[in-house]
Amino acid sequence: MKIGTIDFGERPLFLAPMEDVTDIGFRKMCKRFGAAMVYTEFVSADAIIRSIRSTLSKMVIDDSERPVGIQIYGRDVASMVEAARIVEQAKPDVIDINFGCPVKKVAGKGAGSGMLKNIPLLLEITREVVKAVSIPVTVKTRLGWDKDNLVIADLAEQLQDCGIQALTIHGRTRSQMYTGEADWTLIGEVKKNPRIHIPIIGNGDVTSVREAGEKFDRYGVDAVMIGRATFGCPWIFRQGEGELPLDEKIDVLEEMLRINVERIDEYRGIIHTRRHLAASPIFKGIPDFRQTRISMLRATKMEELMTILENCRERLRGI
């Protein structure tokens, strides 16, 4: 599978772009364990143009995580074009346009999946962003606004005509948010459409490499993108090597913390990392973990968080 000149090989697994989740430390760990493509947190076109520091910091990438994409969202042509040109200067391998985020603060203002209610504008933004930059432009979207407006079959062809070089489809409508089960049927139909020649990337409810393999087999997608199942679990991309030992998993989480503190700063690096720690499935076996989880989420110093992690290591060894 290729996006532009980037060759990802056969059946690649991608890390989904997620706000407050796909920070640089986490991306580097996912890459280490086999993610073929990673994405930054999605960034607002308006915030990019206004040079908001916290937004620009999300666009910092490292050569060790390549290929890497930066995902942008917005609701008008001019700001999306200007933002795309600024993003290109950060030298990502791909610019991805978000037409899929369902949260109210984004979709409710007409951006993200809100664009699914204004297809002509969605297509105009895509067409103009493609023309404005020289690197590959891709799109991530949903099946439609709701079950009565499943537009993805026609929309995929229209987006391809705009010049995008890959399309990621999340198997839900905007109205579903993240409830119910992702429906991959329409994703498969888009892939089987003989008029579609760009790569189709499937997304939604994949929680393991095994499940990703089933999606490849059943729906014929070119790549599978994994999102929420990666929280606190970057080794989810590991293939064919058996289960990673518990000690090594904790080592990985500690390394994520060190990278984020070094590359961002102590306060924000901890905020990013402690979300992963609190969500990581490896701590579920600890009796009465709730209080420890609260301590993780309240920690403001790296030394404090490392002490909590080492305490968890010892408690898990005793189980």
C-alpha atoms as a PDB file:
ATOM      1  CA  MET A   1       0.000   0.000   0.000  1.00  0.00           C
ATOM      2  CA  LYS A   2       1.243   3.485  -0.880  1.00  0.00           C
ATOM      3  CA  ILE A   3       0.280   7.054  -0.082  1.00  0.00           C
ATOM      4  CA  GLY A   4       2.113   9.169  -2.601  1.00  0.00           C
ATOM      5  CA  THR A   5       5.626   7.734  -2.682  1.00  0.00           C
ATOM      6  CA  ILE A   6       5.431   6.290   0.846  1.00  0.00           C
ATOM      7  CA  ASP A   7       5.344   2.496   0.734  1.00  0.00           C
ATOM      8  CA  PHE A   8       3.778   0.958   3.853  1.00  0.00           C
ATOM      9  CA  GLY A   9       4.027  -2.653   2.735  1.00  0.00           C
ATOM     10  CA  GLU A  10       1.202  -5.144   3.044  1.00  0.00           C
ATOM     11  CA  ARG A  11      -1.608  -4.822   5.595  1.00  0.00           C
ATOM     12  CA  PRO A  12      -0.193  -1.900   7.591  1.00  0.00           C
ATOM     13  CA  LEU A  13      -1.587  -0.734  10.923  1.00  0.00           C
ATOM     14  CA  PHE A  14      -1.998   2.994  11.572  1.00  0.00           C
ATOM     15  CA  LEU A  15      -2.339   4.921  14.830  1.00  0.00           C
ATOM     16  CA  ALA A  16      -5.408   7.172  14.721  1.00  0.00           C
ATOM     17  CA  PRO A  17      -4.974  10.888  15.449  1.00  0.00           C
ATOM     18  CA  MET A  18      -6.567  11.645  18.819  1.00  0.00           C
ATOM     19  CA  GLU A  19      -6.705  14.854  20.825  1.00  0.00           C
ATOM     20  CA  ASP A  20      -4.827  14.690  24.132  1.00  0.00           C
ATOM     21  CA  VAL A  21      -3.689  11.152  23.274  1.00  0.00           C
ATOM     22  CA  THR A  22      -1.256  11.008  20.349  1.00  0.00           C
ATOM     23  CA  ASP A  23       1.520  13.081  21.876  1.00  0.00           C
ATOM     24  CA  ILE A  24       5.086  12.603  20.731  1.00  0.00           C
ATOM     25  CA  GLY A  25       6.079  10.089  23.434  1.00  0.00           C
ATOM     26  CA  PHE A  26       3.115   7.869  22.685  1.00  0.00           C
ATOM     27  CA  ARG A  27       3.628   8.103  18.926  1.00  0.00           C
ATOM     28  CA  LYS A  28       7.254   7.054  19.239  1.00  0.00           C
ATOM     29  CA  MET A  29       6.325   4.020  21.322  1.00  0.00           C
ATOM     30  CA  CYS A  30       3.586   2.993  18.863  1.00  0.00           C
ATOM     31  CA  LYS A  31       6.083   3.328  16.032  1.00  0.00           C
ATOM     32  CA  ARG A  32       8.574   1.178  17.902  1.00  0.00           C
ATOM     33  CA  PHE A  33       6.043  -1.612  18.251  1.00  0.00           C
ATOM     34  CA  GLY A  34       5.022  -1.649  14.629  1.00  0.00           C
ATOM     35  CA  ALA A  35       2.625   1.189  13.779  1.00  0.00           C
ATOM     36  CA  ALA A  36       3.285   1.859  10.093  1.00  0.00           C
ATOM     37  CA  MET A  37       1.911   5.400  10.311  1.00  0.00           C
ATOM     38  CA  VAL A  38       1.268   7.724  13.234  1.00  0.00           C
ATOM     39  CA  TYR A  39      -0.537  11.055  13.466  1.00  0.00           C
ATOM     40  CA  THR A  40      -0.258  14.044  15.738  1.00  0.00           C
ATOM     41  CA  GLU A  41      -3.206  15.236  17.755  1.00  0.00           C
ATOM     42  CA  PHE A  42      -5.594  17.045  15.437  1.00  0.00           C
ATOM     43  CA  VAL A  43      -5.080  20.798  15.286  1.00  0.00           C
ATOM     44  CA  SER A  44      -7.431  23.685  14.604  1.00  0.00           C
ATOM     45  CA  ALA A  45      -6.830  25.689  11.441  1.00  0.00           C
ATOM     46  CA  ASP A  46      -7.815  28.899  13.228  1.00  0.00           C
ATOM     47  CA  ALA A  47      -5.394  28.210  16.089  1.00  0.00           C
ATOM     48  CA  ILE A  48      -2.573  27.470  13.635  1.00  0.00           C
ATOM     49  CA  ILE A  49      -3.135  30.768  11.835  1.00  0.00           C
ATOM     50  CA  ARG A  50      -3.184  32.644  15.138  1.00  0.00           C
ATOM     51  CA  SER A  51       0.076  30.929  16.160  1.00  0.00           C
ATOM     52  CA  ILE A  52      -1.378  29.603  19.410  1.00  0.00           C
ATOM     53  CA  ARG A  53       1.613  28.158  21.205  1.00  0.00           C
ATOM     54  CA  SER A  54      -0.101  25.036  22.545  1.00  0.00           C
ATOM     55  CA  THR A  55      -1.341  24.221  19.037  1.00  0.00           C
ATOM     56  CA  LEU A  56       2.017  24.750  17.349  1.00  0.00           C
ATOM     57  CA  SER A  57       3.655  22.501  19.959  1.00  0.00           C
ATOM     58  CA  LYS A  58       1.401  19.641  18.822  1.00  0.00           C
ATOM     59  CA  MET A  59       2.919  19.912  15.346  1.00  0.00           C
ATOM     60  CA  VAL A  60       6.471  19.181  16.484  1.00  0.00           C
ATOM     61  CA  ILE A  61       7.570  15.877  14.978  1.00  0.00           C
ATOM     62  CA  ASP A  62      10.702  13.762  15.196  1.00  0.00           C
ATOM     63  CA  ASP A  63      12.386  11.918  12.330  1.00  0.00           C
ATOM     64  CA  SER A  64      12.268   8.681  14.327  1.00  0.00           C
ATOM     65  CA  GLU A  65       8.466   8.590  14.088  1.00  0.00           C
ATOM     66  CA  ARG A  66       8.236   8.951  10.310  1.00  0.00           C
ATOM     67  CA  PRO A  67       6.123   8.515   8.333  1.00  0.00           C
ATOM     68  CA  VAL A  68       3.917  10.859  10.351  1.00  0.00           C
ATOM     69  CA  GLY A  69       0.842  12.877   9.471  1.00  0.00           C
ATOM     70  CA  ILE A  70      -0.545  16.120  10.875  1.00  0.00           C
ATOM     71  CA  GLN A  71      -4.336  16.307  10.920  1.00  0.00           C
ATOM     72  CA  ILE A  72      -6.143  19.644  10.636  1.00  0.00           C
ATOM     73  CA  TYR A  73      -9.757  20.698  10.987  1.00  0.00           C
ATOM     74  CA  GLY A  74     -11.708  23.847  10.245  1.00  0.00           C
ATOM     75  CA  ARG A  75     -14.881  25.148   8.676  1.00  0.00           C
ATOM     76  CA  ASP A  76     -13.924  27.529   5.867  1.00  0.00           C
ATOM     77  CA  VAL A  77     -11.769  27.376   2.775  1.00  0.00           C
ATOM     78  CA  ALA A  78      -9.430  30.302   3.402  1.00  0.00           C
ATOM     79  CA  SER A  79      -8.361  29.286   6.925  1.00  0.00           C
ATOM     80  CA  MET A  80      -7.907  25.624   5.968  1.00  0.00           C
ATOM     81  CA  VAL A  81      -5.739  26.555   2.983  1.00  0.00           C
ATOM     82  CA  GLU A  82      -3.602  28.952   5.032  1.00  0.00           C
ATOM     83  CA  ALA A  83      -3.279  26.414   7.853  1.00  0.00           C
ATOM     84  CA  ALA A  84      -2.285  23.660   5.430  1.00  0.00           C
ATOM     85  CA  ARG A  85       0.510  25.825   4.044  1.00  0.00           C
ATOM     86  CA  ILE A  86       1.783  26.528   7.565  1.00  0.00           C
ATOM     87  CA  VAL A  87       1.549  22.842   8.480  1.00  0.00           C
ATOM     88  CA  GLU A  88       3.548  21.895   5.391  1.00  0.00           C
ATOM     89  CA  GLN A  89       6.462  23.899   6.806  1.00  0.00           C
ATOM     90  CA  ALA A  90       6.538  21.494   9.790  1.00  0.00           C
ATOM     91  CA  LYS A  91       7.454  18.821   7.223  1.00  0.00           C
ATOM     92  CA  PRO A  92       4.952  16.056   7.924  1.00  0.00           C
ATOM     93  CA  ASP A  93       4.790  13.236   5.406  1.00  0.00           C
ATOM     94  CA  VAL A  94       1.025  13.680   5.008  1.00  0.00           C
ATOM     95  CA  ILE A  95      -1.592  16.318   5.778  1.00  0.00           C
ATOM     96  CA  ASP A  96      -4.870  14.729   6.833  1.00  0.00           C
ATOM     97  CA  ILE A  97      -8.157  16.645   6.858  1.00  0.00           C
ATOM     98  CA  ASN A  98     -10.545  15.788   9.679  1.00  0.00           C
ATOM     99  CA  PHE A  99     -14.138  15.490   8.532  1.00  0.00           C
ATOM    100  CA  GLY A 100     -14.957  12.934  11.199  1.00  0.00           C
ATOM    101  CA  CYS A 101     -14.627  14.330  14.725  1.00  0.00           C
ATOM    102  CA  PRO A 102     -18.116  14.064  16.297  1.00  0.00           C
ATOM    103  CA  VAL A 103     -17.650  16.082  19.488  1.00  0.00           C
ATOM    104  CA  LYS A 104     -19.942  19.059  19.942  1.00  0.00           C
ATOM    105  CA  LYS A 105     -17.241  21.716  20.246  1.00  0.00           C
ATOM    106  CA  VAL A 106     -15.981  20.738  16.771  1.00  0.00           C
ATOM    107  CA  ALA A 107     -18.926  19.271  14.827  1.00  0.00           C
ATOM    108  CA  GLY A 108     -21.395  21.684  16.412  1.00  0.00           C
ATOM    109  CA  LYS A 109     -19.479  24.568  14.859  1.00  0.00           C
ATOM    110  CA  GLY A 110     -19.522  23.015  11.418  1.00  0.00           C
ATOM    111  CA  ALA A 111     -16.031  21.483  11.430  1.00  0.00           C
ATOM    112  CA  GLY A 112     -15.051  17.802  11.721  1.00  0.00           C
ATOM    113  CA  SER A 113     -18.067  15.605  11.040  1.00  0.00           C
ATOM    114  CA  GLY A 114     -20.158  18.768  10.975  1.00  0.00           C
ATOM    115  CA  MET A 115     -18.938  19.099   7.394  1.00  0.00           C
ATOM    116  CA  LEU A 116     -21.055  16.068   6.501  1.00  0.00           C
ATOM    117  CA  LYS A 117     -24.038  18.444   6.556  1.00  0.00           C
ATOM    118  CA  ASN A 118     -22.406  20.657   3.928  1.00  0.00           C
ATOM    119  CA  ILE A 119     -20.867  18.374   1.312  1.00  0.00           C
ATOM    120  CA  PRO A 120     -20.232  21.136  -1.269  1.00  0.00           C
ATOM    121  CA  LEU A 121     -18.132  23.081   1.262  1.00  0.00           C
ATOM    122  CA  LEU A 122     -16.394  19.884   2.387  1.00  0.00           C
ATOM    123  CA  LEU A 123     -15.370  19.183  -1.207  1.00  0.00           C
ATOM    124  CA  GLU A 124     -14.282  22.754  -1.861  1.00  0.00           C
ATOM    125  CA  ILE A 125     -12.037  22.738   1.219  1.00  0.00           C
ATOM    126  CA  THR A 126     -10.514  19.432   0.149  1.00  0.00           C
ATOM    127  CA  ARG A 127      -9.927  20.567  -3.421  1.00  0.00           C
ATOM    128  CA  GLU A 128      -8.274  23.831  -2.382  1.00  0.00           C
ATOM    129  CA  VAL A 129      -6.067  22.258   0.297  1.00  0.00           C
ATOM    130  CA  VAL A 130      -4.829  19.681  -2.224  1.00  0.00           C
ATOM    131  CA  LYS A 131      -3.931  22.502  -4.631  1.00  0.00           C
ATOM    132  CA  ALA A 132      -2.233  24.563  -1.901  1.00  0.00           C
ATOM    133  CA  VAL A 133       0.407  22.046  -0.788  1.00  0.00           C
ATOM    134  CA  SER A 134       2.910  19.737  -2.449  1.00  0.00           C
ATOM    135  CA  ILE A 135       2.726  16.819  -0.004  1.00  0.00           C
ATOM    136  CA  PRO A 136       0.002  14.126  -0.016  1.00  0.00           C
ATOM    137  CA  VAL A 137      -3.379  15.158   1.363  1.00  0.00           C
ATOM    138  CA  THR A 138      -5.681  12.530   2.856  1.00  0.00           C
ATOM    139  CA  VAL A 139      -9.095  12.649   4.523  1.00  0.00           C
ATOM    140  CA  LYS A 140     -10.669  10.955   7.546  1.00  0.00           C
ATOM    141  CA  THR A 141     -14.447  10.919   7.784  1.00  0.00           C
ATOM    142  CA  ARG A 142     -17.515   8.906   8.824  1.00  0.00           C
ATOM    143  CA  LEU A 143     -20.311   7.060   7.056  1.00  0.00           C
ATOM    144  CA  GLY A 144     -22.550  10.124   7.154  1.00  0.00           C
ATOM    145  CA  TRP A 145     -24.315  12.468   9.549  1.00  0.00           C
ATOM    146  CA  ASP A 146     -26.895   9.872  10.649  1.00  0.00           C
ATOM    147  CA  LYS A 147     -28.458   6.593   9.521  1.00  0.00           C
ATOM    148  CA  ASP A 148     -30.735   8.448   7.111  1.00  0.00           C
ATOM    149  CA  ASN A 149     -27.781  10.141   5.430  1.00  0.00           C
ATOM    150  CA  LEU A 150     -25.193   7.456   4.694  1.00  0.00           C
ATOM    151  CA  VAL A 151     -23.252   9.405   2.083  1.00  0.00           C
ATOM    152  CA  ILE A 152     -19.880   7.669   2.135  1.00  0.00           C
ATOM    153  CA  ALA A 153     -20.225   5.684  -1.103  1.00  0.00           C
ATOM    154  CA  ASP A 154     -20.711   8.794  -3.244  1.00  0.00           C
ATOM    155  CA  LEU A 155     -18.518  10.970  -1.030  1.00  0.00           C
ATOM    156  CA  ALA A 156     -15.527   8.652  -1.458  1.00  0.00           C
ATOM    157  CA  GLU A 157     -15.605   9.111  -5.226  1.00  0.00           C
ATOM    158  CA  GLN A 158     -16.059  12.862  -4.889  1.00  0.00           C
ATOM    159  CA  LEU A 159     -13.111  13.150  -2.490  1.00  0.00           C
ATOM    160  CA  GLN A 160     -10.971  11.056  -4.803  1.00  0.00           C
ATOM    161  CA  ASP A 161     -11.845  13.463  -7.624  1.00  0.00           C
ATOM    162  CA  CYS A 162     -10.614  16.314  -5.394  1.00  0.00           C
ATOM    163  CA  GLY A 163      -7.139  14.776  -5.472  1.00  0.00           C
ATOM    164  CA  ILE A 164      -6.749  13.139  -2.057  1.00  0.00           C
ATOM    165  CA  GLN A 165      -4.316  10.233  -1.947  1.00  0.00           C
ATOM    166  CA  ALA A 166      -6.024   8.058   0.700  1.00  0.00           C
ATOM    167  CA  LEU A 167      -9.313   7.956   2.598  1.00  0.00           C
ATOM    168  CA  THR A 168      -9.891   6.757   6.161  1.00  0.00           C
ATOM    169  CA  ILE A 169     -13.461   5.774   7.005  1.00  0.00           C
ATOM    170  CA  HIS A 170     -14.717   5.373  10.563  1.00  0.00           C
ATOM    171  CA  GLY A 171     -17.605   2.921  10.533  1.00  0.00           C
ATOM    172  CA  ARG A 172     -20.076   5.103  12.420  1.00  0.00           C
ATOM    173  CA  THR A 173     -22.237   8.114  11.697  1.00  0.00           C
ATOM    174  CA  ARG A 174     -21.795  11.397  13.540  1.00  0.00           C
ATOM    175  CA  SER A 175     -25.038  10.844  15.451  1.00  0.00           C
ATOM    176  CA  GLN A 176     -23.640   7.588  16.855  1.00  0.00           C
ATOM    177  CA  MET A 177     -20.623   9.372  18.318  1.00  0.00           C
ATOM    178  CA  TYR A 178     -18.736   6.344  19.728  1.00  0.00           C
ATOM    179  CA  THR A 179     -21.788   4.293  20.731  1.00  0.00           C
ATOM    180  CA  GLY A 180     -22.981   1.042  19.225  1.00  0.00           C
ATOM    181  CA  GLU A 181     -20.790  -1.048  16.963  1.00  0.00           C
ATOM    182  CA  ALA A 182     -18.780   0.236  14.024  1.00  0.00           C
ATOM    183  CA  ASP A 183     -20.318  -0.934  10.749  1.00  0.00           C
ATOM    184  CA  TRP A 184     -17.588  -1.991   8.348  1.00  0.00           C
ATOM    185  CA  THR A 185     -20.011  -3.080   5.623  1.00  0.00           C
ATOM    186  CA  LEU A 186     -20.023   0.282   3.869  1.00  0.00           C
ATOM    187  CA  ILE A 187     -16.259   0.572   4.276  1.00  0.00           C
ATOM    188  CA  GLY A 188     -15.953  -2.711   2.401  1.00  0.00           C
ATOM    189  CA  GLU A 189     -18.334  -1.528  -0.302  1.00  0.00           C
ATOM    190  CA  VAL A 190     -16.272   1.605  -0.870  1.00  0.00           C
ATOM    191  CA  LYS A 191     -13.138  -0.512  -1.191  1.00  0.00           C
ATOM    192  CA  LYS A 192     -14.816  -2.841  -3.689  1.00  0.00           C
ATOM    193  CA  ASN A 193     -16.017   0.035  -5.864  1.00  0.00           C
ATOM    194  CA  PRO A 194     -14.117  -0.403  -9.161  1.00  0.00           C
ATOM    195  CA  ARG A 195     -13.971   3.383  -9.587  1.00  0.00           C
ATOM    196  CA  ILE A 196     -12.007   3.796  -6.359  1.00  0.00           C
ATOM    197  CA  HIS A 197      -8.249   3.602  -6.874  1.00  0.00           C
ATOM    198  CA  ILE A 198      -6.922   5.406  -3.777  1.00  0.00           C
ATOM    199  CA  PRO A 199      -6.142   3.389  -0.617  1.00  0.00           C
ATOM    200  CA  ILE A 200      -9.065   2.872   1.756  1.00  0.00           C
ATOM    201  CA  ILE A 201      -8.207   2.738   5.458  1.00  0.00           C
ATOM    202  CA  GLY A 202     -10.767   1.187   7.817  1.00  0.00           C
ATOM    203  CA  ASN A 203     -11.300   2.420  11.362  1.00  0.00           C
ATOM    204  CA  GLY A 204     -13.604   1.545  14.241  1.00  0.00           C
ATOM    205  CA  ASP A 205     -13.682  -0.951  17.127  1.00  0.00           C
ATOM    206  CA  VAL A 206     -10.422  -2.736  16.302  1.00  0.00           C
ATOM    207  CA  THR A 207      -8.842  -3.785  19.592  1.00  0.00           C
ATOM    208  CA  SER A 208      -6.055  -6.176  18.551  1.00  0.00           C
ATOM    209  CA  VAL A 209      -3.791  -7.250  15.721  1.00  0.00           C
ATOM    210  CA  ARG A 210      -5.958 -10.352  15.333  1.00  0.00           C
ATOM    211  CA  GLU A 211      -9.092  -8.262  14.836  1.00  0.00           C
ATOM    212  CA  ALA A 212      -7.240  -6.065  12.354  1.00  0.00           C
ATOM    213  CA  GLY A 213      -6.359  -9.193  10.391  1.00  0.00           C
ATOM    214  CA  GLU A 214     -10.026 -10.154  10.282  1.00  0.00           C
ATOM    215  CA  LYS A 215     -10.909  -6.734   8.861  1.00  0.00           C
ATOM    216  CA  PHE A 216      -8.262  -7.071   6.164  1.00  0.00           C
ATOM    217  CA  ASP A 217      -9.556 -10.514   5.244  1.00  0.00           C
ATOM    218  CA  ARG A 218     -13.245  -9.683   5.261  1.00  0.00           C
ATOM    219  CA  TYR A 219     -13.354  -6.158   3.848  1.00  0.00           C
ATOM    220  CA  GLY A 220     -10.202  -5.947   1.730  1.00  0.00           C
ATOM    221  CA  VAL A 221      -9.102  -2.578   3.124  1.00  0.00           C
ATOM    222  CA  ASP A 222      -5.601  -1.347   2.381  1.00  0.00           C
ATOM    223  CA  ALA A 223      -4.801  -0.430   5.991  1.00  0.00           C
ATOM    224  CA  VAL A 224      -6.452  -0.586   9.400  1.00  0.00           C
ATOM    225  CA  MET A 225      -6.376   2.358  11.797  1.00  0.00           C
ATOM    226  CA  ILE A 226      -6.576   1.715  15.539  1.00  0.00           C
ATOM    227  CA  GLY A 227      -7.787   4.390  17.938  1.00  0.00           C
ATOM    228  CA  ARG A 228      -9.190   4.061  21.447  1.00  0.00           C
ATOM    229  CA  ALA A 229      -7.801   0.556  22.033  1.00  0.00           C
ATOM    230  CA  THR A 230      -4.287   2.017  22.000  1.00  0.00           C
ATOM    231  CA  PHE A 231      -4.790   4.104  25.163  1.00  0.00           C
ATOM    232  CA  GLY A 232      -1.963   3.216  27.534  1.00  0.00           C
ATOM    233  CA  CYS A 233      -1.180   0.267  25.290  1.00  0.00           C
ATOM    234  CA  PRO A 234       1.297   1.190  22.507  1.00  0.00           C
ATOM    235  CA  TRP A 235       2.413  -2.439  22.257  1.00  0.00           C
ATOM    236  CA  ILE A 236      -0.970  -3.256  20.697  1.00  0.00           C
ATOM    237  CA  PHE A 237       0.772  -2.945  17.303  1.00  0.00           C
ATOM    238  CA  ARG A 238       3.227  -5.735  18.152  1.00  0.00           C
ATOM    239  CA  GLN A 239       2.837  -8.687  15.813  1.00  0.00           C
ATOM    240  CA  GLY A 240       3.914 -12.317  16.013  1.00  0.00           C
ATOM    241  CA  GLU A 241       6.246 -12.085  19.008  1.00  0.00           C
ATOM    242  CA  GLY A 242       4.106 -13.254  21.907  1.00  0.00           C
ATOM    243  CA  GLU A 243       2.961 -11.189  24.858  1.00  0.00           C
ATOM    244  CA  LEU A 244       5.287  -8.410  26.011  1.00  0.00           C
ATOM    245  CA  PRO A 245       6.464  -9.089  29.600  1.00  0.00           C
ATOM    246  CA  LEU A 246       4.821  -6.943  32.260  1.00  0.00           C
ATOM    247  CA  ASP A 247       8.090  -5.353  33.364  1.00  0.00           C
ATOM    248  CA  GLU A 248       8.768  -4.244  29.806  1.00  0.00           C
ATOM    249  CA  LYS A 249       5.297  -2.713  29.522  1.00  0.00           C
ATOM    250  CA  ILE A 250       5.939  -0.577  32.587  1.00  0.00           C
ATOM    251  CA  ASP A 251       9.351   0.351  31.156  1.00  0.00           C
ATOM    252  CA  VAL A 252       7.574   1.552  28.011  1.00  0.00           C
ATOM    253  CA  LEU A 253       5.149   3.708  29.991  1.00  0.00           C
ATOM    254  CA  GLU A 254       8.019   5.215  31.964  1.00  0.00           C
ATOM    255  CA  GLU A 255       9.883   5.971  28.745  1.00  0.00           C
ATOM    256  CA  MET A 256       6.789   7.687  27.350  1.00  0.00           C
ATOM    257  CA  LEU A 257       6.767   9.875  30.446  1.00  0.00           C
ATOM    258  CA  ARG A 258      10.439  10.778  30.059  1.00  0.00           C
ATOM    259  CA  ILE A 259      10.044  11.623  26.355  1.00  0.00           C
ATOM    260  CA  ASN A 260       7.019  13.832  26.943  1.00  0.00           C
ATOM    261  CA  VAL A 261       8.605  15.704  29.833  1.00  0.00           C
ATOM    262  CA  GLU A 262      11.772  16.249  27.797  1.00  0.00           C
ATOM    263  CA  ARG A 263      10.030  17.249  24.551  1.00  0.00           C
ATOM    264  CA  ILE A 264       7.141  19.284  26.014  1.00  0.00           C
ATOM    265  CA  ASP A 265       7.763  20.264  29.661  1.00  0.00           C
ATOM    266  CA  GLU A 266       7.226  18.635  33.037  1.00  0.00           C
ATOM    267  CA  TYR A 267       3.705  19.882  33.654  1.00  0.00           C
ATOM    268  CA  ARG A 268       2.204  19.241  30.214  1.00  0.00           C
ATOM    269  CA  GLY A 269       4.302  16.132  29.636  1.00  0.00           C
ATOM    270  CA  ILE A 270       2.836  14.631  32.801  1.00  0.00           C
ATOM    271  CA  ILE A 271      -0.706  15.648  31.867  1.00  0.00           C
ATOM    272  CA  HIS A 272      -0.363  13.850  28.553  1.00  0.00           C
ATOM    273  CA  THR A 273       1.222  10.729  29.985  1.00  0.00           C
ATOM    274  CA  ARG A 274      -0.903  10.229  33.076  1.00  0.00           C
ATOM    275  CA  ARG A 275      -3.988   9.816  30.874  1.00  0.00           C
ATOM    276  CA  HIS A 276      -2.299   6.813  29.299  1.00  0.00           C
ATOM    277  CA  LEU A 277      -1.224   5.444  32.659  1.00  0.00           C
ATOM    278  CA  ALA A 278      -4.714   5.660  34.133  1.00  0.00           C
ATOM    279  CA  ALA A 279      -6.207   3.950  31.068  1.00  0.00           C
ATOM    280  CA  SER A 280      -3.602   1.225  30.641  1.00  0.00           C
ATOM    281  CA  PRO A 281      -5.089  -2.280  30.907  1.00  0.00           C
ATOM    282  CA  ILE A 282      -1.980  -3.661  32.602  1.00  0.00           C
ATOM    283  CA  PHE A 283      -3.014  -2.254  35.995  1.00  0.00           C
ATOM    284  CA  LYS A 284      -6.427  -3.890  36.091  1.00  0.00           C
ATOM    285  CA  GLY A 285      -5.119  -6.800  38.148  1.00  0.00           C
ATOM    286  CA  ILE A 286      -4.065  -4.596  41.059  1.00  0.00           C
ATOM    287  CA  PRO A 287      -6.495  -4.887  43.996  1.00  0.00           C
ATOM    288  CA  ASP A 288      -8.202  -1.595  44.894  1.00  0.00           C
ATOM    289  CA  PHE A 289      -6.492   0.165  41.990  1.00  0.00           C
ATOM    290  CA  ARG A 290      -8.985   3.025  42.071  1.00  0.00           C
ATOM    291  CA  GLN A 291      -7.063   5.036  44.639  1.00  0.00           C
ATOM    292  CA  THR A 292      -3.794   4.493  42.787  1.00  0.00           C
ATOM    293  CA  ARG A 293      -5.473   5.642  39.567  1.00  0.00           C
ATOM    294  CA  ILE A 294      -6.632   8.817  41.324  1.00  0.00           C
ATOM    295  CA  SER A 295      -3.062   9.405  42.503  1.00  0.00           C
ATOM    296  CA  MET A 296      -1.809   9.000  38.921  1.00  0.00           C
ATOM    297  CA  LEU A 297      -4.294  11.550  37.651  1.00  0.00           C
ATOM    298  CA  ARG A 298      -3.361  14.031  40.373  1.00  0.00           C
ATOM    299  CA  ALA A 299       0.414  13.710  40.077  1.00  0.00           C
ATOM    300  CA  THR A 300       2.170  16.910  38.992  1.00  0.00           C
ATOM    301  CA  LYS A 301       5.827  15.909  39.347  1.00  0.00           C
ATOM    302  CA  MET A 302       7.743  13.364  37.321  1.00  0.00           C
ATOM    303  CA  GLU A 303       9.399  11.882  40.417  1.00  0.00           C
ATOM    304  CA  GLU A 304       5.997  11.395  42.025  1.00  0.00           C
ATOM    305  CA  LEU A 305       4.598   9.619  38.975  1.00  0.00           C
ATOM    306  CA  MET A 306       7.664   7.390  38.612  1.00  0.00           C
ATOM    307  CA  THR A 307       7.302   6.361  42.259  1.00  0.00           C
ATOM    308  CA  ILE A 308       3.664   5.400  41.664  1.00  0.00           C
ATOM    309  CA  LEU A 309       4.681   3.343  38.617  1.00  0.00           C
ATOM    310  CA  GLU A 310       7.405   1.511  40.507  1.00  0.00           C
ATOM    311  CA  ASN A 311       4.946   0.778  43.300  1.00  0.00           C
ATOM    312  CA  CYS A 312       2.548  -0.672  40.715  1.00  0.00           C
ATOM    313  CA  ARG A 313       5.386  -2.790  39.333  1.00  0.00           C
ATOM    314  CA  GLU A 314       6.006  -4.315  42.753  1.00  0.00           C
ATOM    315  CA  ARG A 315       2.317  -4.913  43.422  1.00  0.00           C
ATOM    316  CA  LEU A 316       1.867  -6.636  40.074  1.00  0.00           C
ATOM    317  CA  ARG A 317       4.837  -8.897  40.720  1.00  0.00           C
ATOM    318  CA  GLY A 318       3.111 -10.042  43.878  1.00  0.00           C
ATOM    319  CA  ILE A 319      -0.112 -11.023  42.144  1.00  0.00           C
END
